[in-house]
C-alpha atoms as a PDB file:
ATOM      1  CA  MET A   1      70.706 -35.339  31.565  1.00  0.00           C
ATOM      2  CA  PRO A   2      69.100 -35.865  28.151  1.00  0.00           C
ATOM      3  CA  GLU A   3      68.839 -32.698  26.126  1.00  0.00           C
ATOM      4  CA  ALA A   4      65.475 -31.834  24.611  1.00  0.00           C
ATOM      5  CA  ASP A   5      65.467 -29.513  21.638  1.00  0.00           C
ATOM      6  CA  PRO A   6      62.342 -27.388  22.132  1.00  0.00           C
ATOM      7  CA  LEU A   7      62.126 -26.824  18.383  1.00  0.00           C
ATOM      8  CA  THR A   8      61.977 -30.518  17.516  1.00  0.00           C
ATOM      9  CA  VAL A   9      60.309 -32.174  20.501  1.00  0.00           C
ATOM     10  CA  ASP A  10      56.592 -32.729  20.201  1.00  0.00           C
ATOM     11  CA  TRP A  11      54.885 -30.922  23.064  1.00  0.00           C
ATOM     12  CA  SER A  12      51.440 -31.886  24.242  1.00  0.00           C
ATOM     13  CA  PRO A  13      48.709 -29.261  23.975  1.00  0.00           C
ATOM     14  CA  ALA A  14      48.695 -29.030  27.789  1.00  0.00           C
ATOM     15  CA  GLN A  15      52.471 -28.408  27.922  1.00  0.00           C
ATOM     16  CA  THR A  16      52.215 -25.769  25.209  1.00  0.00           C
ATOM     17  CA  ALA A  17      49.297 -24.089  27.004  1.00  0.00           C
ATOM     18  CA  VAL A  18      51.278 -23.939  30.270  1.00  0.00           C
ATOM     19  CA  MET A  19      54.280 -22.367  28.549  1.00  0.00           C
ATOM     20  CA  GLN A  20      52.037 -19.818  26.801  1.00  0.00           C
ATOM     21  CA  GLN A  21      50.277 -18.918  30.059  1.00  0.00           C
ATOM     22  CA  LEU A  22      53.626 -18.505  31.850  1.00  0.00           C
ATOM     23  CA  ARG A  23      54.799 -16.216  29.049  1.00  0.00           C
ATOM     24  CA  ASP A  24      51.558 -14.219  29.229  1.00  0.00           C
ATOM     25  CA  TRP A  25      51.956 -13.900  33.019  1.00  0.00           C
ATOM     26  CA  ALA A  26      55.561 -12.690  32.625  1.00  0.00           C
ATOM     27  CA  VAL A  27      54.512 -10.056  30.074  1.00  0.00           C
ATOM     28  CA  THR A  28      51.587  -8.900  32.200  1.00  0.00           C
ATOM     29  CA  PHE A  29      53.724  -8.780  35.349  1.00  0.00           C
ATOM     30  CA  ALA A  30      56.302  -6.670  33.474  1.00  0.00           C
ATOM     31  CA  GLU A  31      53.499  -4.297  32.497  1.00  0.00           C
ATOM     32  CA  LEU A  32      52.509  -3.992  36.162  1.00  0.00           C
ATOM     33  CA  ASN A  33      56.123  -2.994  36.853  1.00  0.00           C
ATOM     34  CA  LEU A  34      55.766  -0.210  34.262  1.00  0.00           C
ATOM     35  CA  HIS A  35      52.747   1.048  36.181  1.00  0.00           C
ATOM     36  CA  LEU A  36      54.758   0.910  39.417  1.00  0.00           C
ATOM     37  CA  ALA A  37      57.387   3.121  37.755  1.00  0.00           C
ATOM     38  CA  THR A  38      54.721   5.682  36.858  1.00  0.00           C
ATOM     39  CA  TRP A  39      53.110   5.386  40.320  1.00  0.00           C
ATOM     40  CA  MET A  40      56.413   6.152  42.035  1.00  0.00           C
ATOM     41  CA  SER A  41      57.696   8.631  39.402  1.00  0.00           C
ATOM     42  CA  LEU A  42      60.754   6.483  38.720  1.00  0.00           C
ATOM     43  CA  PRO A  43      62.525   5.363  35.580  1.00  0.00           C
ATOM     44  CA  THR A  44      61.470   1.819  34.662  1.00  0.00           C
ATOM     45  CA  SER A  45      64.869   0.341  35.552  1.00  0.00           C
ATOM     46  CA  ASP A  46      64.776   1.986  38.992  1.00  0.00           C
ATOM     47  CA  ALA A  47      61.233   0.742  39.672  1.00  0.00           C
ATOM     48  CA  ASN A  48      62.232  -2.762  38.583  1.00  0.00           C
ATOM     49  CA  ALA A  49      65.207  -2.697  40.949  1.00  0.00           C
ATOM     50  CA  LEU A  50      63.137  -1.252  43.788  1.00  0.00           C
ATOM     51  CA  SER A  51      60.440  -3.894  43.357  1.00  0.00           C
ATOM     52  CA  ASN A  52      63.099  -6.616  43.641  1.00  0.00           C
ATOM     53  CA  ILE A  53      64.435  -4.965  46.801  1.00  0.00           C
ATOM     54  CA  VAL A  54      60.919  -4.686  48.286  1.00  0.00           C
ATOM     55  CA  TRP A  55      60.027  -8.312  47.442  1.00  0.00           C
ATOM     56  CA  ALA A  56      63.249  -9.505  49.069  1.00  0.00           C
ATOM     57  CA  ALA A  57      62.476  -7.448  52.177  1.00  0.00           C
ATOM     58  CA  GLU A  58      58.918  -8.825  52.294  1.00  0.00           C
ATOM     59  CA  GLN A  59      60.401 -12.325  52.302  1.00  0.00           C
ATOM     60  CA  ASN A  60      63.013 -11.281  54.883  1.00  0.00           C
ATOM     61  CA  ARG A  61      65.662 -12.407  52.403  1.00  0.00           C
ATOM     62  CA  PRO A  62      68.788 -10.254  52.289  1.00  0.00           C
ATOM     63  CA  LEU A  63      69.499  -8.881  48.815  1.00  0.00           C
ATOM     64  CA  THR A  64      72.994  -7.810  47.822  1.00  0.00           C
ATOM     65  CA  PRO A  65      73.921  -5.488  44.960  1.00  0.00           C
ATOM     66  CA  ALA A  66      75.410  -8.504  43.136  1.00  0.00           C
ATOM     67  CA  ASP A  67      72.126 -10.421  43.516  1.00  0.00           C
ATOM     68  CA  LEU A  68      70.208  -7.414  42.246  1.00  0.00           C
ATOM     69  CA  SER A  69      72.560  -6.990  39.261  1.00  0.00           C
ATOM     70  CA  ARG A  70      71.878 -10.584  38.256  1.00  0.00           C
ATOM     71  CA  GLN A  71      68.113 -10.238  38.714  1.00  0.00           C
ATOM     72  CA  ILE A  72      67.768  -7.067  36.662  1.00  0.00           C
ATOM     73  CA  GLY A  73      70.408  -7.888  34.054  1.00  0.00           C
ATOM     74  CA  MET A  74      72.689  -4.923  34.630  1.00  0.00           C
ATOM     75  CA  THR A  75      76.423  -4.697  35.146  1.00  0.00           C
ATOM     76  CA  SER A  76      77.681  -4.032  38.651  1.00  0.00           C
ATOM     77  CA  GLY A  77      78.713  -0.514  37.624  1.00  0.00           C
ATOM     78  CA  ALA A  78      75.308   0.319  36.158  1.00  0.00           C
ATOM     79  CA  THR A  79      73.625  -1.181  39.229  1.00  0.00           C
ATOM     80  CA  THR A  80      75.770   0.999  41.507  1.00  0.00           C
ATOM     81  CA  VAL A  81      74.669   4.132  39.623  1.00  0.00           C
ATOM     82  CA  LEU A  82      71.038   3.013  39.851  1.00  0.00           C
ATOM     83  CA  LEU A  83      71.364   2.271  43.586  1.00  0.00           C
ATOM     84  CA  ASN A  84      72.935   5.692  44.140  1.00  0.00           C
ATOM     85  CA  ARG A  85      69.841   7.280  42.515  1.00  0.00           C
ATOM     86  CA  LEU A  86      67.462   5.203  44.657  1.00  0.00           C
ATOM     87  CA  GLU A  87      69.405   5.989  47.822  1.00  0.00           C
ATOM     88  CA  THR A  88      69.594   9.728  47.043  1.00  0.00           C
ATOM     89  CA  ALA A  89      65.827   9.753  46.374  1.00  0.00           C
ATOM     90  CA  GLY A  90      65.232   8.146  49.791  1.00  0.00           C
ATOM     91  CA  HIS A  91      63.925   4.809  48.468  1.00  0.00           C
ATOM     92  CA  ILE A  92      66.625   2.441  49.777  1.00  0.00           C
ATOM     93  CA  THR A  93      69.338   2.075  52.354  1.00  0.00           C
ATOM     94  CA  ARG A  94      72.507   0.039  52.195  1.00  0.00           C
ATOM     95  CA  THR A  95      73.331  -1.756  55.414  1.00  0.00           C
ATOM     96  CA  ARG A  96      76.119  -3.994  56.626  1.00  0.00           C
ATOM     97  CA  GLU A  97      74.187  -6.706  58.472  1.00  0.00           C
ATOM     98  CA  HIS A  98      76.288  -9.666  57.456  1.00  0.00           C
ATOM     99  CA  PRO A  99      79.111 -10.911  59.698  1.00  0.00           C
ATOM    100  CA  ASP A 100      81.392 -10.102  56.754  1.00  0.00           C
ATOM    101  CA  ARG A 101      81.128  -6.318  57.084  1.00  0.00           C
ATOM    102  CA  ARG A 102      82.184  -5.864  53.455  1.00  0.00           C
ATOM    103  CA  ARG A 103      78.890  -7.399  52.332  1.00  0.00           C
ATOM    104  CA  VAL A 104      76.131  -4.843  51.718  1.00  0.00           C
ATOM    105  CA  THR A 105      72.417  -5.580  52.090  1.00  0.00           C
ATOM    106  CA  LEU A 106      69.824  -3.522  50.244  1.00  0.00           C
ATOM    107  CA  ARG A 107      66.667  -2.525  52.127  1.00  0.00           C
ATOM    108  CA  PRO A 108      63.724  -0.357  51.091  1.00  0.00           C
ATOM    109  CA  THR A 109      63.054   2.636  53.293  1.00  0.00           C
ATOM    110  CA  PRO A 110      59.790   2.516  55.243  1.00  0.00           C
ATOM    111  CA  HIS A 111      58.354   5.198  52.925  1.00  0.00           C
ATOM    112  CA  ALA A 112      59.262   3.286  49.740  1.00  0.00           C
ATOM    113  CA  ARG A 113      57.911   0.060  51.218  1.00  0.00           C
ATOM    114  CA  ALA A 114      54.662   1.823  52.116  1.00  0.00           C
ATOM    115  CA  GLN A 115      54.374   3.277  48.603  1.00  0.00           C
ATOM    116  CA  ALA A 116      54.936  -0.171  47.075  1.00  0.00           C
ATOM    117  CA  ARG A 117      52.341  -1.724  49.405  1.00  0.00           C
ATOM    118  CA  THR A 118      49.832   0.987  48.517  1.00  0.00           C
ATOM    119  CA  PHE A 119      50.464   0.303  44.832  1.00  0.00           C
ATOM    120  CA  LEU A 120      50.055  -3.459  45.338  1.00  0.00           C
ATOM    121  CA  SER A 121      46.824  -3.026  47.273  1.00  0.00           C
ATOM    122  CA  PHE A 122      45.451  -0.913  44.417  1.00  0.00           C
ATOM    123  CA  ALA A 123      46.947  -2.805  41.461  1.00  0.00           C
ATOM    124  CA  GLY A 124      46.646  -6.299  42.901  1.00  0.00           C
ATOM    125  CA  THR A 125      42.917  -6.362  43.606  1.00  0.00           C
ATOM    126  CA  GLU A 126      42.084  -8.798  40.812  1.00  0.00           C
ATOM    127  CA  ILE A 127      45.096 -10.994  41.531  1.00  0.00           C
ATOM    128  CA  ALA A 128      44.174 -11.148  45.217  1.00  0.00           C
ATOM    129  CA  ASP A 129      40.617 -12.105  44.260  1.00  0.00           C
ATOM    130  CA  VAL A 130      41.881 -15.061  42.208  1.00  0.00           C
ATOM    131  CA  LEU A 131      44.162 -16.196  45.029  1.00  0.00           C
ATOM    132  CA  HIS A 132      41.391 -15.899  47.635  1.00  0.00           C
ATOM    133  CA  HIS A 133      39.019 -17.949  45.462  1.00  0.00           C
ATOM    134  CA  THR A 134      41.473 -20.781  44.776  1.00  0.00           C
ATOM    135  CA  THR A 135      41.445 -23.845  46.981  1.00  0.00           C
ATOM    136  CA  PRO A 136      44.410 -24.463  49.284  1.00  0.00           C
ATOM    137  CA  GLU A 137      45.037 -27.757  47.463  1.00  0.00           C
ATOM    138  CA  THR A 138      45.282 -26.021  44.093  1.00  0.00           C
ATOM    139  CA  LEU A 139      47.526 -23.312  45.532  1.00  0.00           C
ATOM    140  CA  THR A 140      49.818 -26.018  46.935  1.00  0.00           C
ATOM    141  CA  GLN A 141      49.952 -27.787  43.558  1.00  0.00           C
ATOM    142  CA  VAL A 142      50.679 -24.541  41.717  1.00  0.00           C
ATOM    143  CA  THR A 143      53.344 -23.562  44.235  1.00  0.00           C
ATOM    144  CA  THR A 144      55.033 -26.942  43.914  1.00  0.00           C
ATOM    145  CA  PHE A 145      54.907 -26.785  40.120  1.00  0.00           C
ATOM    146  CA  LEU A 146      56.249 -23.228  39.963  1.00  0.00           C
ATOM    147  CA  SER A 147      58.980 -24.097  42.463  1.00  0.00           C
ATOM    148  CA  ARG A 148      60.093 -26.962  40.208  1.00  0.00           C
ATOM    149  CA  LEU A 149      60.075 -24.660  37.173  1.00  0.00           C
ATOM    150  CA  THR A 150      62.051 -22.018  39.081  1.00  0.00           C
ATOM    151  CA  THR A 151      64.621 -24.604  40.140  1.00  0.00           C
ATOM    152  CA  ALA A 152      64.953 -25.787  36.525  1.00  0.00           C
ATOM    153  CA  ALA A 153      65.301 -22.214  35.224  1.00  0.00           C
ATOM    154  CA  THR A 154      67.874 -21.432  37.938  1.00  0.00           C
ATOM    155  CA  LYS A 155      69.927 -24.453  36.871  1.00  0.00           C
ATOM    156  CA  ALA A 156      69.717 -23.320  33.246  1.00  0.00           C
ATOM    157  CA  ASN A 157      70.754 -19.778  34.197  1.00  0.00           C
ATOM    158  CA  THR A 158      73.710 -21.105  36.188  1.00  0.00           C
ATOM    159  CA  ARG A 159      74.782 -23.297  33.292  1.00  0.00           C
ATOM    160  CA  LEU A 160      74.439 -20.428  30.818  1.00  0.00           C
ATOM    161  CA  HIS A 161      76.337 -18.085  33.126  1.00  0.00           C
ATOM    162  CA  HIS A 162      79.327 -20.442  33.147  1.00  0.00           C
ATOM    163  CA  ARG A 163      79.236 -21.268  29.435  1.00  0.00           C
ATOM    164  CA  PRO A 164      80.980 -18.950  27.004  1.00  0.00           C
ATOM    165  CA  PRO A 165      78.759 -17.682  24.205  1.00  0.00           C
ATOM    166  CA  THR A 166      79.044 -19.562  20.943  1.00  0.00           C
ATOM    167  CA  PRO A 167      79.740 -17.665  17.745  1.00  0.00           C
END
């Protein structure tokens, strides 16, 4: 795989615009997460974790504490403390659904899921409007493009995870 140095490669205006818009989306999405924290009276880190747990549940995709630790950038110990707070507050449950009974799956409680859905219905009005007024063809193209970017970023994250930091 040829390596491209993003500081020396000439990017087209369209490529630069896409990267800037993705960055702007990431920043704006993070701000929405701050509002979710306020909405649910949670610390920001807890709301971030809970939103990941809710999204996984909405996709019917089991989420383990290890997966969550990776997604939110916390150590397993710090994630355990955070999960204990969420469980004590009645926002999540830990279940053993996997054939390997040692493996824990994180699920939002019905109340937490309902609170998150209420927040999304209130906070996501403008986003829903854009999605509803975008053609199916464009949505398919965007989904394909974002899927390719996600796959590339996942490969980079895997590579970085297995590479020791350089001094």
